[in-house]
Amino acid sequence: MSIHSRPIAERIDWLYDVARRYSAAYCDPEACMARERHRARHPTAIAVLKCMDGRINIPIATNTPPGIIQPFRNLGGFFDLG
């Protein structure tokens, strides 16, 4: 059964579980070292403008460790950077 057709309490528990697993993977010492190695090789700060709903997984799309690229989300599609 798809998560989308489950009762709301199960969906909430599922979402918390996904967040816990992501947090554990992000905080893993190997993940921290991967970010440090990447920053040592590429010492440039990177930001990306993305849609508010977050459908784009920037680390996967750019093949970078999570936490390297700072995403900025906007609702409405207008950015005032000045």
N, C-alpha and C. Protein backbone atom coordinates (compact mmCIF):
# COMPACT_ATOMS: atom_id res chain seq x y z
N MET A 1 0.84 -1.19 0.00
CA MET A 1 0.00 0.00 0.00
C MET A 1 0.89 1.25 0.00
N SER A 2 0.59 2.19 -0.84
CA SER A 2 1.33 3.44 -0.93
C SER A 2 1.18 4.26 0.35
N ILE A 3 2.22 5.00 0.70
CA ILE A 3 2.16 5.85 1.89
C ILE A 3 1.04 6.88 1.76
N HIS A 4 0.73 7.28 0.55
CA HIS A 4 -0.29 8.31 0.32
C HIS A 4 -1.70 7.82 0.62
N SER A 5 -1.90 6.53 0.67
CA SER A 5 -3.24 6.00 0.94
C SER A 5 -3.37 5.49 2.38
N ARG A 6 -2.36 5.66 3.16
CA ARG A 6 -2.40 5.21 4.56
C ARG A 6 -3.08 6.27 5.44
N PRO A 7 -3.52 5.90 6.63
CA PRO A 7 -4.11 6.88 7.54
C PRO A 7 -3.11 7.98 7.89
N ILE A 8 -3.61 9.14 8.24
CA ILE A 8 -2.76 10.31 8.47
C ILE A 8 -1.74 10.06 9.58
N ALA A 9 -2.11 9.36 10.63
CA ALA A 9 -1.16 9.09 11.72
C ALA A 9 0.03 8.27 11.21
N GLU A 10 -0.22 7.30 10.35
CA GLU A 10 0.88 6.51 9.78
C GLU A 10 1.74 7.35 8.87
N ARG A 11 1.13 8.26 8.11
CA ARG A 11 1.91 9.14 7.23
C ARG A 11 2.81 10.07 8.03
N ILE A 12 2.29 10.57 9.15
CA ILE A 12 3.09 11.45 10.01
C ILE A 12 4.25 10.67 10.60
N ASP A 13 3.98 9.45 11.10
CA ASP A 13 5.06 8.61 11.63
C ASP A 13 6.10 8.31 10.56
N TRP A 14 5.64 8.03 9.34
CA TRP A 14 6.55 7.76 8.22
C TRP A 14 7.44 8.98 7.95
N LEU A 15 6.84 10.16 7.96
CA LEU A 15 7.59 11.38 7.70
C LEU A 15 8.64 11.63 8.78
N TYR A 16 8.27 11.42 10.04
CA TYR A 16 9.25 11.55 11.13
C TYR A 16 10.38 10.55 10.97
N ASP A 17 10.06 9.33 10.54
CA ASP A 17 11.08 8.32 10.34
C ASP A 17 12.03 8.72 9.22
N VAL A 18 11.50 9.25 8.13
CA VAL A 18 12.34 9.73 7.03
C VAL A 18 13.28 10.83 7.53
N ALA A 19 12.75 11.76 8.33
CA ALA A 19 13.57 12.86 8.86
C ALA A 19 14.66 12.32 9.80
N ARG A 20 14.32 11.35 10.64
CA ARG A 20 15.32 10.76 11.54
C ARG A 20 16.44 10.08 10.76
N ARG A 21 16.06 9.32 9.72
CA ARG A 21 17.08 8.63 8.92
C ARG A 21 17.97 9.63 8.18
N TYR A 22 17.37 10.70 7.64
CA TYR A 22 18.15 11.72 6.94
C TYR A 22 19.11 12.40 7.92
N SER A 23 18.61 12.73 9.11
CA SER A 23 19.45 13.38 10.11
C SER A 23 20.62 12.48 10.51
N ALA A 24 20.35 11.20 10.73
CA ALA A 24 21.41 10.26 11.11
C ALA A 24 22.46 10.16 10.00
N ALA A 25 22.00 10.10 8.76
CA ALA A 25 22.94 10.02 7.63
C ALA A 25 23.74 11.31 7.50
N TYR A 26 23.09 12.46 7.69
CA TYR A 26 23.76 13.76 7.57
C TYR A 26 24.82 13.93 8.66
N CYS A 27 24.52 13.46 9.87
CA CYS A 27 25.42 13.63 11.01
C CYS A 27 26.48 12.54 11.10
N ASP A 28 26.39 11.53 10.28
CA ASP A 28 27.36 10.44 10.29
C ASP A 28 28.77 10.99 10.06
N PRO A 29 29.75 10.53 10.81
CA PRO A 29 31.12 11.04 10.64
C PRO A 29 31.63 10.95 9.20
N GLU A 30 31.27 9.89 8.48
CA GLU A 30 31.71 9.78 7.08
C GLU A 30 31.09 10.88 6.23
N ALA A 31 29.83 11.23 6.49
CA ALA A 31 29.19 12.31 5.74
C ALA A 31 29.85 13.65 6.05
N CYS A 32 30.21 13.85 7.31
CA CYS A 32 30.91 15.09 7.69
C CYS A 32 32.26 15.18 6.97
N MET A 33 32.98 14.06 6.93
CA MET A 33 34.26 14.05 6.23
C MET A 33 34.08 14.28 4.73
N ALA A 34 33.02 13.74 4.15
CA ALA A 34 32.76 13.95 2.72
C ALA A 34 32.55 15.43 2.45
N ARG A 35 31.82 16.12 3.32
CA ARG A 35 31.62 17.57 3.13
C ARG A 35 32.94 18.32 3.28
N GLU A 36 33.73 17.95 4.28
CA GLU A 36 35.02 18.62 4.47
C GLU A 36 35.95 18.39 3.28
N ARG A 37 35.99 17.16 2.77
CA ARG A 37 36.83 16.88 1.59
C ARG A 37 36.35 17.68 0.38
N HIS A 38 35.04 17.74 0.19
CA HIS A 38 34.50 18.49 -0.95
C HIS A 38 34.84 19.97 -0.83
N ARG A 39 34.66 20.52 0.37
CA ARG A 39 34.98 21.95 0.56
C ARG A 39 36.47 22.22 0.39
N ALA A 40 37.32 21.27 0.76
CA ALA A 40 38.77 21.45 0.57
C ALA A 40 39.12 21.46 -0.92
N ARG A 41 38.46 20.61 -1.69
CA ARG A 41 38.71 20.57 -3.15
C ARG A 41 38.05 21.71 -3.89
N HIS A 42 36.90 22.17 -3.38
CA HIS A 42 36.11 23.22 -4.04
C HIS A 42 35.77 24.31 -3.02
N PRO A 43 36.69 25.24 -2.75
CA PRO A 43 36.48 26.23 -1.69
C PRO A 43 35.59 27.40 -2.09
N THR A 44 34.54 27.13 -2.81
CA THR A 44 33.62 28.18 -3.25
C THR A 44 32.26 27.96 -2.60
N ALA A 45 31.68 29.02 -2.05
CA ALA A 45 30.33 28.92 -1.51
C ALA A 45 29.34 28.92 -2.67
N ILE A 46 28.38 28.03 -2.61
CA ILE A 46 27.40 27.90 -3.69
C ILE A 46 26.00 28.03 -3.11
N ALA A 47 25.18 28.82 -3.78
CA ALA A 47 23.77 28.95 -3.42
C ALA A 47 22.94 28.62 -4.65
N VAL A 48 21.74 28.14 -4.42
CA VAL A 48 20.85 27.81 -5.53
C VAL A 48 19.46 28.32 -5.20
N LEU A 49 18.81 28.89 -6.20
CA LEU A 49 17.43 29.33 -6.05
C LEU A 49 16.54 28.21 -6.55
N LYS A 50 15.58 27.81 -5.74
CA LYS A 50 14.73 26.69 -6.13
C LYS A 50 13.29 26.97 -5.76
N CYS A 51 12.41 26.12 -6.28
CA CYS A 51 10.98 26.31 -6.03
C CYS A 51 10.66 26.02 -4.56
N MET A 52 9.58 26.57 -4.09
CA MET A 52 9.20 26.47 -2.70
C MET A 52 8.87 25.05 -2.27
N ASP A 53 8.32 24.25 -3.15
CA ASP A 53 7.88 22.92 -2.74
C ASP A 53 9.03 21.92 -2.63
N GLY A 54 10.21 22.28 -3.05
CA GLY A 54 11.39 21.47 -2.83
C GLY A 54 11.46 20.17 -3.62
N ARG A 55 10.87 20.10 -4.79
CA ARG A 55 10.92 18.87 -5.57
C ARG A 55 12.30 18.56 -6.09
N ILE A 56 13.16 19.55 -6.17
CA ILE A 56 14.51 19.34 -6.68
C ILE A 56 15.42 18.97 -5.52
N ASN A 57 16.02 17.80 -5.58
CA ASN A 57 16.98 17.38 -4.57
C ASN A 57 18.35 17.81 -5.07
N ILE A 58 18.79 18.97 -4.62
CA ILE A 58 20.01 19.61 -5.14
C ILE A 58 21.24 18.71 -4.98
N PRO A 59 21.50 18.08 -3.83
CA PRO A 59 22.69 17.22 -3.75
C PRO A 59 22.68 16.08 -4.78
N ILE A 60 21.54 15.50 -5.03
CA ILE A 60 21.47 14.43 -6.03
C ILE A 60 21.66 15.01 -7.43
N ALA A 61 21.02 16.14 -7.72
CA ALA A 61 21.11 16.74 -9.04
C ALA A 61 22.53 17.21 -9.37
N THR A 62 23.29 17.61 -8.35
CA THR A 62 24.64 18.14 -8.57
C THR A 62 25.75 17.18 -8.17
N ASN A 63 25.37 16.02 -7.64
CA ASN A 63 26.34 15.02 -7.19
C ASN A 63 27.29 15.60 -6.15
N THR A 64 26.73 16.32 -5.17
CA THR A 64 27.50 16.88 -4.07
C THR A 64 26.97 16.32 -2.75
N PRO A 65 27.81 16.27 -1.72
CA PRO A 65 27.32 15.81 -0.43
C PRO A 65 26.25 16.77 0.11
N PRO A 66 25.26 16.25 0.82
CA PRO A 66 24.25 17.14 1.43
C PRO A 66 24.93 18.16 2.35
N GLY A 67 24.49 19.41 2.26
CA GLY A 67 25.03 20.46 3.10
C GLY A 67 26.05 21.35 2.42
N ILE A 68 26.42 21.02 1.19
CA ILE A 68 27.41 21.83 0.47
C ILE A 68 26.74 23.05 -0.16
N ILE A 69 25.63 22.84 -0.81
CA ILE A 69 24.94 23.92 -1.52
C ILE A 69 23.78 24.44 -0.68
N GLN A 70 23.75 25.76 -0.48
CA GLN A 70 22.70 26.39 0.31
C GLN A 70 21.50 26.71 -0.58
N PRO A 71 20.37 26.02 -0.37
CA PRO A 71 19.20 26.33 -1.20
C PRO A 71 18.41 27.50 -0.62
N PHE A 72 17.91 28.33 -1.50
CA PHE A 72 17.00 29.41 -1.13
C PHE A 72 15.69 29.15 -1.85
N ARG A 73 14.63 29.02 -1.09
CA ARG A 73 13.32 28.74 -1.67
C ARG A 73 12.51 30.02 -1.72
N ASN A 74 11.69 30.10 -2.73
CA ASN A 74 10.85 31.29 -2.90
C ASN A 74 9.47 30.88 -3.38
N LEU A 75 8.47 31.50 -2.84
CA LEU A 75 7.11 31.28 -3.28
C LEU A 75 6.73 32.47 -4.14
N GLY A 76 6.48 32.23 -5.39
CA GLY A 76 6.09 33.32 -6.28
C GLY A 76 7.07 33.57 -7.40
N GLY A 77 8.29 33.06 -7.29
CA GLY A 77 9.23 33.14 -8.39
C GLY A 77 9.94 34.47 -8.55
N PHE A 78 9.97 35.34 -7.54
CA PHE A 78 10.66 36.62 -7.67
C PHE A 78 11.72 36.70 -6.58
N PHE A 79 12.96 36.95 -6.98
CA PHE A 79 14.06 37.09 -6.04
C PHE A 79 14.60 38.52 -6.15
N ASP A 80 14.75 39.19 -5.03
CA ASP A 80 15.35 40.51 -4.98
C ASP A 80 16.67 40.38 -4.27
N LEU A 81 17.74 40.24 -5.03
CA LEU A 81 19.06 40.01 -4.45
C LEU A 81 19.81 41.31 -4.17
N GLY A 82 19.20 42.43 -4.40
CA GLY A 82 19.91 43.68 -4.19
C GLY A 82 19.39 44.42 -3.09
